[in-house]
Amino acid sequence: MSTKNIPISILELASVGQDITTGETFQNSLDLAQKAEELGYKRFWLAEHHNMISIASSATVVLMAHIAAGTSKIRVGSGGIMLPNHSPLIVAEQFGTLGSLYPNRIDMGLGRAPGTDQATAHAIRSDRMQAVYQFPEEIEKIQQYFSNDNGEAKVRATVAEGVNVPIYVLGSSTDSAHLAAKKGLPYVFASHFAPAQLFQALNIYYNNFQPSEYLQEPYTIAGVNIIAADTDEEAEKLSTSMIRMMLGVMTGKIDYMQKPTAMTPDLREIANHPSLQQMLKYSFVGSKKTVREKTEDFLGKTGANELMVVSHIYDHNDRIKSFRIFSEIMKER
């Protein structure tokens, strides 16, 4: 598979930094989306997480509307809607509305993980475990609500019927690879934080893909963490915020994103711990040259059709600069 002309996109968590308000975080997300549009990024997706003080994208659809209203070309989507948390009818109505407000610009990424801890997941929807097992059927319900053929049904999402909102299946294990292949839908793998089964999942998807009315050939998007700066040393310093954040996720001590510091021996020891190394395997930190080499290697090995970039960087301007450097890398290929 050719690795030229690979589209690049952004996954936004609306990370709330130390001494930064939620309102400022949302302003920064919109500014980033506007800059990404100028830089040629294809999509700007928002993740659904709950009960985490460091992530403000919990009302994902509301934030999507905010981003879509402030941009004009970039596709805006969910990366993803955690479907077992929601009624398929409500999801269809929300995305059908967005699809009519912003025609041919809305994507629906669907996942089955809770996006939170079990107690919060239960508070969101007490019967969600039943919905987890019905994930394939729940996707079919949404497809039916969007279909023009649903006009005679007893239950309709009238704002969705005939509206063009493509569905993407999200996964961090092999389960969703089988599902995306069987349904003939594009497949998005969360290799930016769960890389262990990346190649196994991609192989399953490529080898079992069945063409559908939605997609004729397999299409894969892979997540990577990018922290790019003028020098390797500067990027390494910026990465200390990500290291602390991921440590908090692993230990259950989640805090606001911290300001970057020098890479101390203690931090380096944490960064080199096997568990963190595994989680951040596809984190490309460094100068333009360093990030380019790591990106080329990743594309060559995965054959991904598109890259979905996550950048856990504290300072808004540093983050925009990182995305700008990465767009230059991809344009220069």
C-alpha atoms as a PDB file:
ATOM      1  CA  MET A   1       0.000   0.000   0.000  1.00  0.00           C
ATOM      2  CA  SER A   2       1.319   3.437  -0.915  1.00  0.00           C
ATOM      3  CA  THR A   3       2.092   5.649   2.048  1.00  0.00           C
ATOM      4  CA  LYS A   4       2.074   8.893   0.051  1.00  0.00           C
ATOM      5  CA  ASN A   5      -0.607  11.561   0.482  1.00  0.00           C
ATOM      6  CA  ILE A   6      -1.784  10.266   3.841  1.00  0.00           C
ATOM      7  CA  PRO A   7      -4.560  12.471   5.308  1.00  0.00           C
ATOM      8  CA  ILE A   8      -3.963  13.682   8.847  1.00  0.00           C
ATOM      9  CA  SER A   9      -6.602  14.439  11.448  1.00  0.00           C
ATOM     10  CA  ILE A  10      -6.824  15.488  15.098  1.00  0.00           C
ATOM     11  CA  LEU A  11      -8.387  13.792  18.108  1.00  0.00           C
ATOM     12  CA  GLU A  12      -9.208  16.438  20.718  1.00  0.00           C
ATOM     13  CA  LEU A  13      -9.840  15.635  24.384  1.00  0.00           C
ATOM     14  CA  ALA A  14     -10.255  19.279  25.426  1.00  0.00           C
ATOM     15  CA  SER A  15      -7.622  18.682  28.115  1.00  0.00           C
ATOM     16  CA  VAL A  16      -7.948  21.050  31.056  1.00  0.00           C
ATOM     17  CA  GLY A  17      -4.593  22.329  32.220  1.00  0.00           C
ATOM     18  CA  GLN A  18      -3.505  23.511  35.640  1.00  0.00           C
ATOM     19  CA  ASP A  19      -4.606  27.189  36.030  1.00  0.00           C
ATOM     20  CA  ILE A  20      -6.730  27.031  32.839  1.00  0.00           C
ATOM     21  CA  THR A  21     -10.531  27.298  33.053  1.00  0.00           C
ATOM     22  CA  THR A  22     -12.962  25.036  31.224  1.00  0.00           C
ATOM     23  CA  GLY A  23     -14.155  28.046  29.209  1.00  0.00           C
ATOM     24  CA  GLU A  24     -10.600  28.820  28.108  1.00  0.00           C
ATOM     25  CA  THR A  25     -10.143  25.144  27.228  1.00  0.00           C
ATOM     26  CA  PHE A  26     -13.153  25.274  24.886  1.00  0.00           C
ATOM     27  CA  GLN A  27     -11.836  28.489  23.300  1.00  0.00           C
ATOM     28  CA  ASN A  28      -8.484  26.793  22.747  1.00  0.00           C
ATOM     29  CA  SER A  29     -10.191  23.767  21.153  1.00  0.00           C
ATOM     30  CA  LEU A  30     -11.974  26.001  18.660  1.00  0.00           C
ATOM     31  CA  ASP A  31      -8.810  27.970  17.918  1.00  0.00           C
ATOM     32  CA  LEU A  32      -6.947  24.707  17.331  1.00  0.00           C
ATOM     33  CA  ALA A  33      -9.682  23.502  14.966  1.00  0.00           C
ATOM     34  CA  GLN A  34      -9.492  26.754  13.015  1.00  0.00           C
ATOM     35  CA  LYS A  35      -5.692  26.502  12.763  1.00  0.00           C
ATOM     36  CA  ALA A  36      -5.958  22.813  11.797  1.00  0.00           C
ATOM     37  CA  GLU A  37      -8.349  23.768   9.001  1.00  0.00           C
ATOM     38  CA  GLU A  38      -5.780  26.257   7.678  1.00  0.00           C
ATOM     39  CA  LEU A  39      -3.024  23.638   7.932  1.00  0.00           C
ATOM     40  CA  GLY A  40      -4.962  21.094   5.869  1.00  0.00           C
ATOM     41  CA  TYR A  41      -6.010  18.603   8.552  1.00  0.00           C
ATOM     42  CA  LYS A  42      -8.945  16.519   7.328  1.00  0.00           C
ATOM     43  CA  ARG A  43     -10.922  15.910  10.522  1.00  0.00           C
ATOM     44  CA  PHE A  44     -11.264  17.275  14.028  1.00  0.00           C
ATOM     45  CA  TRP A  45     -12.770  14.628  16.292  1.00  0.00           C
ATOM     46  CA  LEU A  46     -13.748  14.920  19.939  1.00  0.00           C
ATOM     47  CA  ALA A  47     -13.497  12.108  22.479  1.00  0.00           C
ATOM     48  CA  GLU A  48     -16.146  11.144  25.016  1.00  0.00           C
ATOM     49  CA  HIS A  49     -14.831  10.826  28.567  1.00  0.00           C
ATOM     50  CA  HIS A  50     -16.630  11.271  31.886  1.00  0.00           C
ATOM     51  CA  ASN A  51     -15.706  12.017  35.515  1.00  0.00           C
ATOM     52  CA  MET A  52     -12.161  13.164  34.650  1.00  0.00           C
ATOM     53  CA  ILE A  53     -11.190  16.663  35.782  1.00  0.00           C
ATOM     54  CA  SER A  54      -8.496  16.834  33.097  1.00  0.00           C
ATOM     55  CA  ILE A  55     -10.859  16.218  30.137  1.00  0.00           C
ATOM     56  CA  ALA A  56     -13.728  18.556  29.212  1.00  0.00           C
ATOM     57  CA  SER A  57     -15.139  16.791  26.125  1.00  0.00           C
ATOM     58  CA  SER A  58     -17.813  14.880  28.084  1.00  0.00           C
ATOM     59  CA  ALA A  59     -20.748  16.549  26.267  1.00  0.00           C
ATOM     60  CA  THR A  60     -19.221  15.500  22.962  1.00  0.00           C
ATOM     61  CA  VAL A  61     -22.076  16.409  20.613  1.00  0.00           C
ATOM     62  CA  VAL A  62     -22.461  19.888  22.141  1.00  0.00           C
ATOM     63  CA  LEU A  63     -18.758  20.553  21.667  1.00  0.00           C
ATOM     64  CA  MET A  64     -18.926  19.220  18.094  1.00  0.00           C
ATOM     65  CA  ALA A  65     -21.576  21.842  17.324  1.00  0.00           C
ATOM     66  CA  HIS A  66     -19.336  24.546  18.816  1.00  0.00           C
ATOM     67  CA  ILE A  67     -16.397  23.461  16.639  1.00  0.00           C
ATOM     68  CA  ALA A  68     -18.441  23.009  13.461  1.00  0.00           C
ATOM     69  CA  ALA A  69     -20.017  26.461  13.879  1.00  0.00           C
ATOM     70  CA  GLY A  70     -16.591  28.091  14.085  1.00  0.00           C
ATOM     71  CA  THR A  71     -15.042  26.317  11.084  1.00  0.00           C
ATOM     72  CA  SER A  72     -16.042  25.938   7.447  1.00  0.00           C
ATOM     73  CA  LYS A  73     -14.256  23.006   5.770  1.00  0.00           C
ATOM     74  CA  ILE A  74     -12.728  20.584   8.270  1.00  0.00           C
ATOM     75  CA  ARG A  75     -14.821  17.511   9.081  1.00  0.00           C
ATOM     76  CA  VAL A  76     -16.017  17.427  12.703  1.00  0.00           C
ATOM     77  CA  GLY A  77     -16.732  14.134  14.402  1.00  0.00           C
ATOM     78  CA  SER A  78     -16.801  11.968  17.489  1.00  0.00           C
ATOM     79  CA  GLY A  79     -13.803   9.900  18.399  1.00  0.00           C
ATOM     80  CA  GLY A  80     -15.997   8.583  19.645  1.00  0.00           C
ATOM     81  CA  ILE A  81     -19.473   8.386  20.957  1.00  0.00           C
ATOM     82  CA  MET A  82     -19.392   5.508  23.452  1.00  0.00           C
ATOM     83  CA  LEU A  83     -22.577   3.940  22.130  1.00  0.00           C
ATOM     84  CA  PRO A  84     -23.507   1.767  25.163  1.00  0.00           C
ATOM     85  CA  ASN A  85     -23.830   5.040  27.105  1.00  0.00           C
ATOM     86  CA  HIS A  86     -26.577   6.267  24.762  1.00  0.00           C
ATOM     87  CA  SER A  87     -29.850   5.434  23.081  1.00  0.00           C
ATOM     88  CA  PRO A  88     -29.346   4.813  19.331  1.00  0.00           C
ATOM     89  CA  LEU A  89     -32.446   6.923  18.638  1.00  0.00           C
ATOM     90  CA  ILE A  90     -31.032   9.936  20.496  1.00  0.00           C
ATOM     91  CA  VAL A  91     -27.641   9.519  18.783  1.00  0.00           C
ATOM     92  CA  ALA A  92     -29.375   9.439  15.384  1.00  0.00           C
ATOM     93  CA  GLU A  93     -31.385  12.563  16.209  1.00  0.00           C
ATOM     94  CA  GLN A  94     -28.333  14.458  17.451  1.00  0.00           C
ATOM     95  CA  PHE A  95     -26.089  13.542  14.530  1.00  0.00           C
ATOM     96  CA  GLY A  96     -28.897  13.950  12.011  1.00  0.00           C
ATOM     97  CA  THR A  97     -29.358  17.492  13.319  1.00  0.00           C
ATOM     98  CA  LEU A  98     -25.632  18.199  13.072  1.00  0.00           C
ATOM     99  CA  GLY A  99     -25.538  16.676   9.595  1.00  0.00           C
ATOM    100  CA  SER A 100     -28.274  19.047   8.422  1.00  0.00           C
ATOM    101  CA  LEU A 101     -26.696  22.088  10.082  1.00  0.00           C
ATOM    102  CA  TYR A 102     -23.244  21.318   8.631  1.00  0.00           C
ATOM    103  CA  PRO A 103     -23.840  19.236   5.466  1.00  0.00           C
ATOM    104  CA  ASN A 104     -21.195  16.672   4.490  1.00  0.00           C
ATOM    105  CA  ARG A 105     -18.910  17.712   7.364  1.00  0.00           C
ATOM    106  CA  ILE A 106     -20.029  15.469  10.258  1.00  0.00           C
ATOM    107  CA  ASP A 107     -18.510  12.059  11.129  1.00  0.00           C
ATOM    108  CA  MET A 108     -19.887   9.560  13.631  1.00  0.00           C
ATOM    109  CA  GLY A 109     -17.196   7.491  15.331  1.00  0.00           C
ATOM    110  CA  LEU A 110     -18.728   4.811  17.562  1.00  0.00           C
ATOM    111  CA  GLY A 111     -17.031   2.813  20.306  1.00  0.00           C
ATOM    112  CA  ARG A 112     -18.192   0.349  22.937  1.00  0.00           C
ATOM    113  CA  ALA A 113     -15.909   1.232  25.879  1.00  0.00           C
ATOM    114  CA  PRO A 114     -17.404   3.300  28.730  1.00  0.00           C
ATOM    115  CA  GLY A 115     -14.933   6.193  28.511  1.00  0.00           C
ATOM    116  CA  THR A 116     -14.902   6.312  32.301  1.00  0.00           C
ATOM    117  CA  ASP A 117     -14.821   4.225  35.487  1.00  0.00           C
ATOM    118  CA  GLN A 118     -17.441   1.557  36.201  1.00  0.00           C
ATOM    119  CA  ALA A 119     -19.314   3.538  38.861  1.00  0.00           C
ATOM    120  CA  THR A 120     -19.717   6.497  36.509  1.00  0.00           C
ATOM    121  CA  ALA A 121     -20.658   4.186  33.637  1.00  0.00           C
ATOM    122  CA  HIS A 122     -23.446   2.780  35.816  1.00  0.00           C
ATOM    123  CA  ALA A 123     -24.593   6.318  36.663  1.00  0.00           C
ATOM    124  CA  ILE A 124     -24.755   7.156  32.947  1.00  0.00           C
ATOM    125  CA  ARG A 125     -26.802   4.095  32.017  1.00  0.00           C
ATOM    126  CA  SER A 126     -27.527   1.306  34.477  1.00  0.00           C
ATOM    127  CA  ASP A 127     -28.187  -1.242  31.712  1.00  0.00           C
ATOM    128  CA  ARG A 128     -25.099  -0.368  29.706  1.00  0.00           C
ATOM    129  CA  MET A 129     -23.543  -3.863  29.951  1.00  0.00           C
ATOM    130  CA  GLN A 130     -26.529  -5.221  28.072  1.00  0.00           C
ATOM    131  CA  ALA A 131     -25.945  -2.514  25.447  1.00  0.00           C
ATOM    132  CA  VAL A 132     -22.249  -3.477  25.216  1.00  0.00           C
ATOM    133  CA  TYR A 133     -23.207  -6.971  24.055  1.00  0.00           C
ATOM    134  CA  GLN A 134     -25.693  -5.473  21.598  1.00  0.00           C
ATOM    135  CA  PHE A 135     -23.157  -3.074  20.051  1.00  0.00           C
ATOM    136  CA  PRO A 136     -23.537  -4.502  16.488  1.00  0.00           C
ATOM    137  CA  GLU A 137     -27.336  -4.321  16.705  1.00  0.00           C
ATOM    138  CA  GLU A 138     -27.173  -0.785  18.126  1.00  0.00           C
ATOM    139  CA  ILE A 139     -25.112   0.328  15.107  1.00  0.00           C
ATOM    140  CA  GLU A 140     -27.704  -1.262  12.804  1.00  0.00           C
ATOM    141  CA  LYS A 141     -30.454   0.683  14.568  1.00  0.00           C
ATOM    142  CA  ILE A 142     -28.613   3.951  13.885  1.00  0.00           C
ATOM    143  CA  GLN A 143     -28.101   2.993  10.249  1.00  0.00           C
ATOM    144  CA  GLN A 144     -31.824   2.269   9.971  1.00  0.00           C
ATOM    145  CA  TYR A 145     -32.758   5.631  11.523  1.00  0.00           C
ATOM    146  CA  PHE A 146     -30.571   7.375   8.891  1.00  0.00           C
ATOM    147  CA  SER A 147     -32.081   5.346   6.055  1.00  0.00           C
ATOM    148  CA  ASN A 148     -34.639   6.804   3.660  1.00  0.00           C
ATOM    149  CA  ASP A 149     -36.393   3.453   3.999  1.00  0.00           C
ATOM    150  CA  ASN A 150     -37.370   4.198   7.597  1.00  0.00           C
ATOM    151  CA  GLY A 151     -40.244   6.474   6.595  1.00  0.00           C
ATOM    152  CA  GLU A 152     -42.918   3.877   7.361  1.00  0.00           C
ATOM    153  CA  ALA A 153     -41.407   2.712  10.664  1.00  0.00           C
ATOM    154  CA  LYS A 154     -43.232   3.109  13.954  1.00  0.00           C
ATOM    155  CA  VAL A 155     -40.151   4.801  15.496  1.00  0.00           C
ATOM    156  CA  ARG A 156     -38.363   7.380  13.369  1.00  0.00           C
ATOM    157  CA  ALA A 157     -35.517   9.871  13.728  1.00  0.00           C
ATOM    158  CA  THR A 158     -36.981  12.147  11.083  1.00  0.00           C
ATOM    159  CA  VAL A 159     -34.137  14.684  11.266  1.00  0.00           C
ATOM    160  CA  ALA A 160     -31.676  11.908  10.351  1.00  0.00           C
ATOM    161  CA  GLU A 161     -33.445  10.262   7.417  1.00  0.00           C
ATOM    162  CA  GLY A 162     -31.373  10.625   4.253  1.00  0.00           C
ATOM    163  CA  VAL A 163     -28.710  12.765   5.946  1.00  0.00           C
ATOM    164  CA  ASN A 164     -25.112  11.908   5.044  1.00  0.00           C
ATOM    165  CA  VAL A 165     -23.206  11.136   8.269  1.00  0.00           C
ATOM    166  CA  PRO A 166     -20.669   8.319   7.763  1.00  0.00           C
ATOM    167  CA  ILE A 167     -20.108   5.835  10.596  1.00  0.00           C
ATOM    168  CA  TYR A 168     -16.639   4.755  11.770  1.00  0.00           C
ATOM    169  CA  VAL A 169     -16.086   1.801  14.111  1.00  0.00           C
ATOM    170  CA  LEU A 170     -13.576   2.550  16.880  1.00  0.00           C
ATOM    171  CA  GLY A 171     -11.549  -0.118  18.625  1.00  0.00           C
ATOM    172  CA  SER A 172      -8.658  -0.805  20.966  1.00  0.00           C
ATOM    173  CA  SER A 173      -8.760  -4.618  20.639  1.00  0.00           C
ATOM    174  CA  THR A 174      -9.583  -7.213  17.979  1.00  0.00           C
ATOM    175  CA  ASP A 175     -13.348  -7.370  18.701  1.00  0.00           C
ATOM    176  CA  SER A 176     -14.254  -4.238  16.776  1.00  0.00           C
ATOM    177  CA  ALA A 177     -11.961  -5.225  13.890  1.00  0.00           C
ATOM    178  CA  HIS A 178     -14.185  -8.226  13.171  1.00  0.00           C
ATOM    179  CA  LEU A 179     -17.268  -6.016  13.424  1.00  0.00           C
ATOM    180  CA  ALA A 180     -15.967  -3.235  11.148  1.00  0.00           C
ATOM    181  CA  ALA A 181     -14.863  -5.804   8.553  1.00  0.00           C
ATOM    182  CA  LYS A 182     -18.182  -7.638   8.598  1.00  0.00           C
ATOM    183  CA  LYS A 183     -20.220  -4.427   8.292  1.00  0.00           C
ATOM    184  CA  GLY A 184     -17.961  -2.919   5.614  1.00  0.00           C
ATOM    185  CA  LEU A 185     -17.253   0.204   7.664  1.00  0.00           C
ATOM    186  CA  PRO A 186     -14.040   2.205   8.152  1.00  0.00           C
ATOM    187  CA  TYR A 187     -11.997   1.160  11.186  1.00  0.00           C
ATOM    188  CA  VAL A 188     -10.212   3.438  13.658  1.00  0.00           C
ATOM    189  CA  PHE A 189      -7.699   1.931  16.088  1.00  0.00           C
ATOM    190  CA  ALA A 190      -6.689   3.619  19.361  1.00  0.00           C
ATOM    191  CA  SER A 191      -2.984   2.871  18.987  1.00  0.00           C
ATOM    192  CA  HIS A 192      -2.186   6.176  20.708  1.00  0.00           C
ATOM    193  CA  PHE A 193      -2.944   4.594  24.106  1.00  0.00           C
ATOM    194  CA  ALA A 194      -3.706   0.874  23.508  1.00  0.00           C
ATOM    195  CA  PRO A 195      -1.185  -0.344  20.917  1.00  0.00           C
ATOM    196  CA  ALA A 196      -0.865  -3.984  22.008  1.00  0.00           C
ATOM    197  CA  GLN A 197      -3.263  -5.508  19.461  1.00  0.00           C
ATOM    198  CA  LEU A 198      -2.791  -2.979  16.646  1.00  0.00           C
ATOM    199  CA  PHE A 199      -1.293  -5.297  14.033  1.00  0.00           C
ATOM    200  CA  GLN A 200      -3.512  -8.235  14.906  1.00  0.00           C
ATOM    201  CA  ALA A 201      -6.597  -6.015  14.620  1.00  0.00           C
ATOM    202  CA  LEU A 202      -5.483  -4.497  11.305  1.00  0.00           C
ATOM    203  CA  ASN A 203      -4.816  -7.950   9.843  1.00  0.00           C
ATOM    204  CA  ILE A 204      -8.269  -9.155  10.901  1.00  0.00           C
ATOM    205  CA  TYR A 205      -9.879  -6.089   9.358  1.00  0.00           C
ATOM    206  CA  TYR A 206      -7.951  -6.224   6.067  1.00  0.00           C
ATOM    207  CA  ASN A 207      -8.394  -9.996   5.639  1.00  0.00           C
ATOM    208  CA  ASN A 208     -12.102 -10.156   6.509  1.00  0.00           C
ATOM    209  CA  PHE A 209     -13.388  -6.907   5.005  1.00  0.00           C
ATOM    210  CA  GLN A 210     -16.681  -7.228   3.156  1.00  0.00           C
ATOM    211  CA  PRO A 211     -17.589  -4.383   0.760  1.00  0.00           C
ATOM    212  CA  SER A 212     -20.813  -2.573   1.638  1.00  0.00           C
ATOM    213  CA  GLU A 213     -22.975   0.270   0.387  1.00  0.00           C
ATOM    214  CA  TYR A 214     -20.903   2.503   2.664  1.00  0.00           C
ATOM    215  CA  LEU A 215     -17.387   1.421   1.704  1.00  0.00           C
ATOM    216  CA  GLN A 216     -15.935  -0.618  -1.175  1.00  0.00           C
ATOM    217  CA  GLU A 217     -12.394  -1.104   0.148  1.00  0.00           C
ATOM    218  CA  PRO A 218     -10.909  -1.258   3.671  1.00  0.00           C
ATOM    219  CA  TYR A 219     -10.118   2.107   5.233  1.00  0.00           C
ATOM    220  CA  THR A 220      -8.082   2.407   8.417  1.00  0.00           C
ATOM    221  CA  ILE A 221      -7.228   5.300  10.701  1.00  0.00           C
ATOM    222  CA  ALA A 222      -4.542   4.826  13.373  1.00  0.00           C
ATOM    223  CA  GLY A 223      -3.993   7.033  16.419  1.00  0.00           C
ATOM    224  CA  VAL A 224      -0.550   8.403  17.300  1.00  0.00           C
ATOM    225  CA  ASN A 225       0.721  10.860  19.904  1.00  0.00           C
ATOM    226  CA  ILE A 226       2.800  13.667  18.408  1.00  0.00           C
ATOM    227  CA  ILE A 227       4.890  16.167  20.346  1.00  0.00           C
ATOM    228  CA  ALA A 228       7.008  18.108  17.871  1.00  0.00           C
ATOM    229  CA  ALA A 229       9.239  21.088  18.615  1.00  0.00           C
ATOM    230  CA  ASP A 230      12.336  22.817  17.236  1.00  0.00           C
ATOM    231  CA  THR A 231      14.688  20.414  19.029  1.00  0.00           C
ATOM    232  CA  ASP A 232      14.529  16.946  20.573  1.00  0.00           C
ATOM    233  CA  GLU A 233      15.334  18.480  23.963  1.00  0.00           C
ATOM    234  CA  GLU A 234      12.482  20.988  23.768  1.00  0.00           C
ATOM    235  CA  ALA A 235      10.004  18.289  22.717  1.00  0.00           C
ATOM    236  CA  GLU A 236      11.193  16.031  25.541  1.00  0.00           C
ATOM    237  CA  LYS A 237      10.499  18.818  28.038  1.00  0.00           C
ATOM    238  CA  LEU A 238       6.990  19.319  26.593  1.00  0.00           C
ATOM    239  CA  SER A 239       6.380  15.565  26.922  1.00  0.00           C
ATOM    240  CA  THR A 240       6.713  15.688  30.722  1.00  0.00           C
ATOM    241  CA  SER A 241       3.078  16.902  30.866  1.00  0.00           C
ATOM    242  CA  MET A 242       1.968  13.796  28.948  1.00  0.00           C
ATOM    243  CA  ILE A 243       4.050  11.477  31.138  1.00  0.00           C
ATOM    244  CA  ARG A 244       2.494  12.869  34.318  1.00  0.00           C
ATOM    245  CA  MET A 245      -0.973  12.659  32.778  1.00  0.00           C
ATOM    246  CA  MET A 246      -0.587   9.029  31.705  1.00  0.00           C
ATOM    247  CA  LEU A 247       0.869   8.127  35.105  1.00  0.00           C
ATOM    248  CA  GLY A 248      -2.271   9.598  36.670  1.00  0.00           C
ATOM    249  CA  VAL A 249      -4.464   7.490  34.378  1.00  0.00           C
ATOM    250  CA  MET A 250      -2.544   4.315  35.251  1.00  0.00           C
ATOM    251  CA  THR A 251      -2.575   4.945  39.019  1.00  0.00           C
ATOM    252  CA  GLY A 252      -6.131   6.311  39.200  1.00  0.00           C
ATOM    253  CA  LYS A 253      -4.835   9.677  40.467  1.00  0.00           C
ATOM    254  CA  ILE A 254      -6.057  11.888  37.641  1.00  0.00           C
ATOM    255  CA  ASP A 255      -5.178  15.577  37.930  1.00  0.00           C
ATOM    256  CA  TYR A 256      -5.279  18.619  35.686  1.00  0.00           C
ATOM    257  CA  MET A 257      -2.634  18.600  32.961  1.00  0.00           C
ATOM    258  CA  GLN A 258       0.552  19.905  34.540  1.00  0.00           C
ATOM    259  CA  LYS A 259       2.972  22.493  33.193  1.00  0.00           C
ATOM    260  CA  PRO A 260       6.068  20.969  31.570  1.00  0.00           C
ATOM    261  CA  THR A 261       9.279  20.704  33.563  1.00  0.00           C
ATOM    262  CA  ALA A 262      12.823  19.580  32.945  1.00  0.00           C
ATOM    263  CA  MET A 263      13.141  15.826  32.418  1.00  0.00           C
ATOM    264  CA  THR A 264      14.367  14.786  35.875  1.00  0.00           C
ATOM    265  CA  PRO A 265      15.892  11.361  36.628  1.00  0.00           C
ATOM    266  CA  ASP A 266      12.659  10.425  38.455  1.00  0.00           C
ATOM    267  CA  LEU A 267      10.493  11.383  35.480  1.00  0.00           C
ATOM    268  CA  ARG A 268      12.780   9.525  33.094  1.00  0.00           C
ATOM    269  CA  GLU A 269      12.508   6.418  35.249  1.00  0.00           C
ATOM    270  CA  ILE A 270       8.704   6.696  35.110  1.00  0.00           C
ATOM    271  CA  ALA A 271       8.812   7.258  31.346  1.00  0.00           C
ATOM    272  CA  ASN A 272      10.971   4.147  30.899  1.00  0.00           C
ATOM    273  CA  HIS A 273       8.711   1.910  32.989  1.00  0.00           C
ATOM    274  CA  PRO A 274       7.519  -1.022  30.816  1.00  0.00           C
ATOM    275  CA  SER A 275       3.823  -0.283  31.427  1.00  0.00           C
ATOM    276  CA  LEU A 276       4.133   3.343  30.354  1.00  0.00           C
ATOM    277  CA  GLN A 277       6.431   2.413  27.472  1.00  0.00           C
ATOM    278  CA  GLN A 278       3.792  -0.030  26.236  1.00  0.00           C
ATOM    279  CA  MET A 279       0.951   2.489  26.531  1.00  0.00           C
ATOM    280  CA  LEU A 280       2.948   5.244  24.777  1.00  0.00           C
ATOM    281  CA  LYS A 281       4.615   3.012  22.181  1.00  0.00           C
ATOM    282  CA  TYR A 282       3.366   5.179  19.337  1.00  0.00           C
ATOM    283  CA  SER A 283       4.297   8.541  20.827  1.00  0.00           C
ATOM    284  CA  PHE A 284       6.606  10.401  18.469  1.00  0.00           C
ATOM    285  CA  VAL A 285       8.437  13.059  20.478  1.00  0.00           C
ATOM    286  CA  GLY A 286      11.179  15.233  19.031  1.00  0.00           C
ATOM    287  CA  SER A 287      12.335  17.606  16.324  1.00  0.00           C
ATOM    288  CA  LYS A 288      10.905  17.584  12.817  1.00  0.00           C
ATOM    289  CA  LYS A 289      13.586  15.107  11.728  1.00  0.00           C
ATOM    290  CA  THR A 290      12.935  12.726  14.630  1.00  0.00           C
ATOM    291  CA  VAL A 291       9.151  12.804  14.286  1.00  0.00           C
ATOM    292  CA  ARG A 292       9.412  12.351  10.506  1.00  0.00           C
ATOM    293  CA  GLU A 293      11.514   9.188  10.878  1.00  0.00           C
ATOM    294  CA  LYS A 294       9.183   7.646  13.466  1.00  0.00           C
ATOM    295  CA  THR A 295       6.101   8.518  11.426  1.00  0.00           C
ATOM    296  CA  GLU A 296       7.533   6.996   8.232  1.00  0.00           C
ATOM    297  CA  ASP A 297       8.387   3.804  10.098  1.00  0.00           C
ATOM    298  CA  PHE A 298       4.853   3.593  11.533  1.00  0.00           C
ATOM    299  CA  LEU A 299       3.178   4.156   8.172  1.00  0.00           C
ATOM    300  CA  GLY A 300       5.416   1.620   6.479  1.00  0.00           C
ATOM    301  CA  LYS A 301       4.568  -1.061   9.046  1.00  0.00           C
ATOM    302  CA  THR A 302       0.818  -0.434   9.396  1.00  0.00           C
ATOM    303  CA  GLY A 303      -0.284   0.654   5.919  1.00  0.00           C
ATOM    304  CA  ALA A 304      -2.780   2.965   7.645  1.00  0.00           C
ATOM    305  CA  ASN A 305      -4.843   5.100   5.272  1.00  0.00           C
ATOM    306  CA  GLU A 306      -4.957   8.039   7.668  1.00  0.00           C
ATOM    307  CA  LEU A 307      -3.341   9.233  10.897  1.00  0.00           C
ATOM    308  CA  MET A 308      -5.355  10.585  13.840  1.00  0.00           C
ATOM    309  CA  VAL A 309      -3.044  12.747  15.930  1.00  0.00           C
ATOM    310  CA  VAL A 310      -3.298  13.359  19.673  1.00  0.00           C
ATOM    311  CA  SER A 311      -1.049  15.956  21.321  1.00  0.00           C
ATOM    312  CA  HIS A 312      -0.983  16.167  25.110  1.00  0.00           C
ATOM    313  CA  ILE A 313       0.815  19.518  25.405  1.00  0.00           C
ATOM    314  CA  TYR A 314       0.120  22.026  28.189  1.00  0.00           C
ATOM    315  CA  ASP A 315       0.651  25.363  26.449  1.00  0.00           C
ATOM    316  CA  HIS A 316      -1.816  26.191  23.672  1.00  0.00           C
ATOM    317  CA  ASN A 317       0.780  27.881  21.454  1.00  0.00           C
ATOM    318  CA  ASP A 318       3.222  24.989  21.867  1.00  0.00           C
ATOM    319  CA  ARG A 319       0.455  22.596  20.859  1.00  0.00           C
ATOM    320  CA  ILE A 320      -0.441  24.578  17.729  1.00  0.00           C
ATOM    321  CA  LYS A 321       3.256  24.706  16.822  1.00  0.00           C
ATOM    322  CA  SER A 322       3.493  20.910  17.189  1.00  0.00           C
ATOM    323  CA  PHE A 323       0.530  20.398  14.862  1.00  0.00           C
ATOM    324  CA  ARG A 324       2.035  22.883  12.396  1.00  0.00           C
ATOM    325  CA  ILE A 325       5.367  21.034  12.363  1.00  0.00           C
ATOM    326  CA  PHE A 326       3.576  17.727  11.826  1.00  0.00           C
ATOM    327  CA  SER A 327       1.550  19.131   8.927  1.00  0.00           C
ATOM    328  CA  GLU A 328       4.813  20.316   7.338  1.00  0.00           C
ATOM    329  CA  ILE A 329       6.294  16.824   7.754  1.00  0.00           C
ATOM    330  CA  MET A 330       3.340  15.258   5.953  1.00  0.00           C
ATOM    331  CA  LYS A 331       3.266  17.876   3.176  1.00  0.00           C
ATOM    332  CA  GLU A 332       6.996  17.419   2.532  1.00  0.00           C
ATOM    333  CA  ARG A 333       6.741  13.642   2.085  1.00  0.00           C
END
